[in-house]
Structures are given as C-alpha cells and as structure tokens.
Amino acid sequence: MKTWPLQDAKNQFSQVVELAQTDGPQTVTKQGEPVAVVVSAGEFKRRARPKESVLEFFAPLKGSGIRLKRNRDLPRNREL
C-alpha cells in the first residue's frame, strides 16, 4: 500500500485512483498522519457488504427438524 501526502494525492489523483484499482488501497496523509484510504469500487463493495445476523445464518435450518439445544451448564471456576 502506497502512502501519499495530501497535496501529492490532489495533484496526481488519477494516478492514485489507477493504483487503487491495480495495486490495492492507497493511503492519504495530512501532516504525516493517515486521514483517508482510496480503494477501488470493487474492493469497497466487497468490504461494505452487510454482515448477516445470527438469525439469518441459522435461517436455512428452519423447518429442517434439527433441534439445537443451548448448554446452560456454568463454566468451571478457574483461579488466575
């Protein structure tokens, strides 16, 4: 991942975007501190995809006849 000072990223924005598409995320810094990351649209969509809930994860089991039982035993005591 390449790091770009903000002024350089502004002056060479098309190159920053091109590298984000071909080489991966590009970090933009302001006064030496990271302030933004430029990523390709495909990478953004992949990472921004909503995570499924536990309910959605187990939804295919509904109506299958499988019964899941929660273990309600207390954990053993351990001294640290």
N, C-alpha and C. Protein backbone atom coordinates (compact mmCIF):
# COMPACT_ATOMS: atom_id res chain seq x y z
N MET A 1 0.86 -1.17 0.00
CA MET A 1 0.00 0.00 0.00
C MET A 1 0.90 1.23 0.00
N LYS A 2 0.67 2.09 -0.96
CA LYS A 2 1.47 3.31 -1.07
C LYS A 2 0.84 4.42 -0.24
N THR A 3 1.68 5.29 0.29
CA THR A 3 1.24 6.43 1.08
C THR A 3 1.49 7.71 0.29
N TRP A 4 0.48 8.57 0.26
CA TRP A 4 0.53 9.82 -0.48
C TRP A 4 0.30 11.00 0.46
N PRO A 5 1.19 11.99 0.48
CA PRO A 5 0.85 13.24 1.17
C PRO A 5 -0.35 13.87 0.46
N LEU A 6 -1.20 14.53 1.19
CA LEU A 6 -2.44 15.08 0.64
C LEU A 6 -2.23 15.91 -0.62
N GLN A 7 -1.26 16.80 -0.61
CA GLN A 7 -1.02 17.66 -1.77
C GLN A 7 -0.65 16.84 -3.00
N ASP A 8 0.20 15.81 -2.83
CA ASP A 8 0.57 14.94 -3.95
C ASP A 8 -0.63 14.16 -4.46
N ALA A 9 -1.46 13.68 -3.53
CA ALA A 9 -2.66 12.93 -3.93
C ALA A 9 -3.61 13.82 -4.72
N LYS A 10 -3.74 15.09 -4.33
CA LYS A 10 -4.59 16.02 -5.07
C LYS A 10 -4.03 16.26 -6.47
N ASN A 11 -2.72 16.47 -6.56
CA ASN A 11 -2.10 16.77 -7.85
C ASN A 11 -2.07 15.57 -8.79
N GLN A 12 -2.05 14.37 -8.24
CA GLN A 12 -1.93 13.16 -9.06
C GLN A 12 -3.10 12.22 -8.79
N PHE A 13 -4.29 12.78 -8.62
CA PHE A 13 -5.44 11.98 -8.23
C PHE A 13 -5.72 10.83 -9.18
N SER A 14 -5.61 11.07 -10.49
CA SER A 14 -5.89 9.99 -11.44
C SER A 14 -4.92 8.83 -11.24
N GLN A 15 -3.67 9.12 -10.89
CA GLN A 15 -2.70 8.06 -10.63
C GLN A 15 -3.04 7.32 -9.33
N VAL A 16 -3.49 8.05 -8.32
CA VAL A 16 -3.89 7.42 -7.06
C VAL A 16 -5.04 6.45 -7.32
N VAL A 17 -6.02 6.87 -8.11
CA VAL A 17 -7.17 6.02 -8.43
C VAL A 17 -6.72 4.80 -9.23
N GLU A 18 -5.87 5.01 -10.22
CA GLU A 18 -5.36 3.90 -11.04
C GLU A 18 -4.64 2.87 -10.17
N LEU A 19 -3.79 3.34 -9.27
CA LEU A 19 -3.06 2.42 -8.39
C LEU A 19 -4.00 1.71 -7.41
N ALA A 20 -5.05 2.39 -6.99
CA ALA A 20 -6.03 1.74 -6.11
C ALA A 20 -6.70 0.58 -6.84
N GLN A 21 -6.91 0.72 -8.15
CA GLN A 21 -7.53 -0.34 -8.93
C GLN A 21 -6.56 -1.48 -9.21
N THR A 22 -5.30 -1.18 -9.42
CA THR A 22 -4.34 -2.21 -9.82
C THR A 22 -3.51 -2.77 -8.67
N ASP A 23 -3.12 -1.92 -7.72
CA ASP A 23 -2.21 -2.35 -6.66
C ASP A 23 -2.85 -2.46 -5.29
N GLY A 24 -4.08 -1.97 -5.15
CA GLY A 24 -4.74 -2.04 -3.85
C GLY A 24 -4.88 -0.68 -3.20
N PRO A 25 -5.34 -0.66 -1.96
CA PRO A 25 -5.62 0.59 -1.25
C PRO A 25 -4.43 1.55 -1.21
N GLN A 26 -4.74 2.84 -1.31
CA GLN A 26 -3.74 3.91 -1.27
C GLN A 26 -4.06 4.82 -0.08
N THR A 27 -3.09 5.02 0.80
CA THR A 27 -3.29 5.84 1.99
C THR A 27 -2.93 7.29 1.70
N VAL A 28 -3.77 8.20 2.16
CA VAL A 28 -3.51 9.64 2.02
C VAL A 28 -3.24 10.19 3.42
N THR A 29 -2.14 10.96 3.53
CA THR A 29 -1.77 11.51 4.83
C THR A 29 -1.86 13.03 4.83
N LYS A 30 -2.09 13.58 6.01
CA LYS A 30 -2.10 15.03 6.20
C LYS A 30 -1.21 15.29 7.41
N GLN A 31 -0.18 16.06 7.21
CA GLN A 31 0.82 16.33 8.24
C GLN A 31 1.38 15.04 8.82
N GLY A 32 1.59 14.06 7.93
CA GLY A 32 2.19 12.79 8.31
C GLY A 32 1.27 11.77 8.94
N GLU A 33 0.01 12.13 9.17
CA GLU A 33 -0.95 11.22 9.79
C GLU A 33 -1.93 10.70 8.73
N PRO A 34 -2.23 9.39 8.72
CA PRO A 34 -3.21 8.86 7.77
C PRO A 34 -4.59 9.48 8.01
N VAL A 35 -5.20 9.99 6.93
CA VAL A 35 -6.53 10.60 7.06
C VAL A 35 -7.57 9.97 6.14
N ALA A 36 -7.11 9.25 5.11
CA ALA A 36 -8.05 8.64 4.17
C ALA A 36 -7.37 7.49 3.45
N VAL A 37 -8.20 6.60 2.92
CA VAL A 37 -7.71 5.49 2.10
C VAL A 37 -8.56 5.45 0.84
N VAL A 38 -7.90 5.41 -0.31
CA VAL A 38 -8.59 5.31 -1.60
C VAL A 38 -8.56 3.84 -2.00
N VAL A 39 -9.76 3.28 -2.24
CA VAL A 39 -9.86 1.88 -2.67
C VAL A 39 -10.69 1.81 -3.94
N SER A 40 -10.54 0.72 -4.67
CA SER A 40 -11.34 0.53 -5.88
C SER A 40 -12.80 0.30 -5.50
N ALA A 41 -13.69 0.53 -6.44
CA ALA A 41 -15.12 0.34 -6.19
C ALA A 41 -15.41 -1.12 -5.84
N GLY A 42 -14.75 -2.04 -6.52
CA GLY A 42 -14.95 -3.46 -6.24
C GLY A 42 -14.55 -3.83 -4.82
N GLU A 43 -13.42 -3.32 -4.38
CA GLU A 43 -12.96 -3.58 -3.01
C GLU A 43 -13.92 -2.97 -2.00
N PHE A 44 -14.42 -1.77 -2.28
CA PHE A 44 -15.37 -1.13 -1.38
C PHE A 44 -16.65 -1.95 -1.26
N LYS A 45 -17.19 -2.40 -2.39
CA LYS A 45 -18.42 -3.19 -2.38
C LYS A 45 -18.23 -4.48 -1.60
N ARG A 46 -17.07 -5.11 -1.80
CA ARG A 46 -16.80 -6.37 -1.11
C ARG A 46 -16.75 -6.16 0.40
N ARG A 47 -16.11 -5.10 0.84
CA ARG A 47 -15.97 -4.85 2.27
C ARG A 47 -17.21 -4.23 2.89
N ALA A 48 -18.01 -3.50 2.13
CA ALA A 48 -19.18 -2.82 2.66
C ALA A 48 -20.42 -3.71 2.68
N ARG A 49 -20.29 -4.92 2.16
CA ARG A 49 -21.43 -5.84 2.13
C ARG A 49 -21.93 -6.05 3.56
N PRO A 50 -23.24 -5.93 3.78
CA PRO A 50 -23.75 -6.10 5.14
C PRO A 50 -23.50 -7.53 5.64
N LYS A 51 -23.13 -7.63 6.89
CA LYS A 51 -22.90 -8.94 7.50
C LYS A 51 -24.25 -9.54 7.88
N GLU A 52 -24.36 -10.85 7.72
CA GLU A 52 -25.62 -11.47 8.08
C GLU A 52 -25.70 -11.64 9.60
N SER A 53 -26.91 -11.57 10.11
CA SER A 53 -27.12 -11.72 11.54
C SER A 53 -27.11 -13.21 11.89
N VAL A 54 -27.07 -13.51 13.16
CA VAL A 54 -27.12 -14.90 13.61
C VAL A 54 -28.43 -15.53 13.15
N LEU A 55 -29.50 -14.77 13.21
CA LEU A 55 -30.80 -15.27 12.77
C LEU A 55 -30.76 -15.66 11.30
N GLU A 56 -30.17 -14.80 10.46
CA GLU A 56 -30.05 -15.11 9.03
C GLU A 56 -29.14 -16.31 8.80
N PHE A 57 -28.09 -16.44 9.61
CA PHE A 57 -27.16 -17.56 9.47
C PHE A 57 -27.87 -18.89 9.70
N PHE A 58 -28.74 -18.94 10.72
CA PHE A 58 -29.43 -20.19 11.05
C PHE A 58 -30.75 -20.36 10.29
N ALA A 59 -31.20 -19.36 9.55
CA ALA A 59 -32.48 -19.42 8.84
C ALA A 59 -32.63 -20.65 7.94
N PRO A 60 -31.59 -21.10 7.22
CA PRO A 60 -31.76 -22.30 6.39
C PRO A 60 -32.13 -23.55 7.19
N LEU A 61 -31.87 -23.57 8.49
CA LEU A 61 -32.21 -24.73 9.33
C LEU A 61 -33.68 -24.75 9.72
N LYS A 62 -34.38 -23.62 9.54
CA LYS A 62 -35.79 -23.55 9.93
C LYS A 62 -36.59 -24.57 9.13
N GLY A 63 -37.36 -25.36 9.85
CA GLY A 63 -38.18 -26.37 9.20
C GLY A 63 -37.43 -27.64 8.85
N SER A 64 -36.15 -27.73 9.18
CA SER A 64 -35.37 -28.92 8.83
C SER A 64 -35.54 -30.04 9.85
N GLY A 65 -36.13 -29.71 11.00
CA GLY A 65 -36.30 -30.73 12.03
C GLY A 65 -35.12 -30.81 12.99
N ILE A 66 -34.07 -30.10 12.70
CA ILE A 66 -32.91 -30.10 13.59
C ILE A 66 -33.25 -29.26 14.81
N ARG A 67 -32.97 -29.83 15.98
CA ARG A 67 -33.23 -29.10 17.21
C ARG A 67 -31.89 -28.77 17.86
N LEU A 68 -31.66 -27.49 18.04
CA LEU A 68 -30.43 -27.04 18.69
C LEU A 68 -30.77 -26.71 20.14
N LYS A 69 -29.98 -27.26 21.06
CA LYS A 69 -30.24 -27.04 22.47
C LYS A 69 -29.06 -26.29 23.07
N ARG A 70 -29.37 -25.27 23.83
CA ARG A 70 -28.33 -24.47 24.46
C ARG A 70 -27.82 -25.17 25.71
N ASN A 71 -26.51 -25.22 25.86
CA ASN A 71 -25.90 -25.79 27.06
C ASN A 71 -25.95 -24.72 28.15
N ARG A 72 -26.70 -24.98 29.19
CA ARG A 72 -26.87 -24.00 30.26
C ARG A 72 -25.98 -24.28 31.47
N ASP A 73 -25.06 -25.22 31.35
CA ASP A 73 -24.12 -25.50 32.44
C ASP A 73 -23.24 -24.29 32.69
N LEU A 74 -22.88 -24.08 33.94
CA LEU A 74 -21.98 -22.99 34.28
C LEU A 74 -20.55 -23.43 33.99
N PRO A 75 -19.71 -22.50 33.58
CA PRO A 75 -18.31 -22.88 33.34
C PRO A 75 -17.63 -23.19 34.66
N ARG A 76 -16.59 -24.00 34.58
CA ARG A 76 -15.87 -24.34 35.81
C ARG A 76 -15.13 -23.11 36.33
N ASN A 77 -14.91 -23.07 37.62
CA ASN A 77 -14.18 -21.96 38.24
C ASN A 77 -12.69 -22.14 38.02
N ARG A 78 -12.03 -21.06 37.68
CA ARG A 78 -10.58 -21.09 37.49
C ARG A 78 -9.98 -19.94 38.26
N GLU A 79 -8.91 -20.22 38.95
CA GLU A 79 -8.20 -19.15 39.64
C GLU A 79 -7.08 -18.66 38.76
N LEU A 80 -6.97 -17.36 38.68
CA LEU A 80 -5.92 -16.76 37.86
C LEU A 80 -4.83 -16.20 38.73
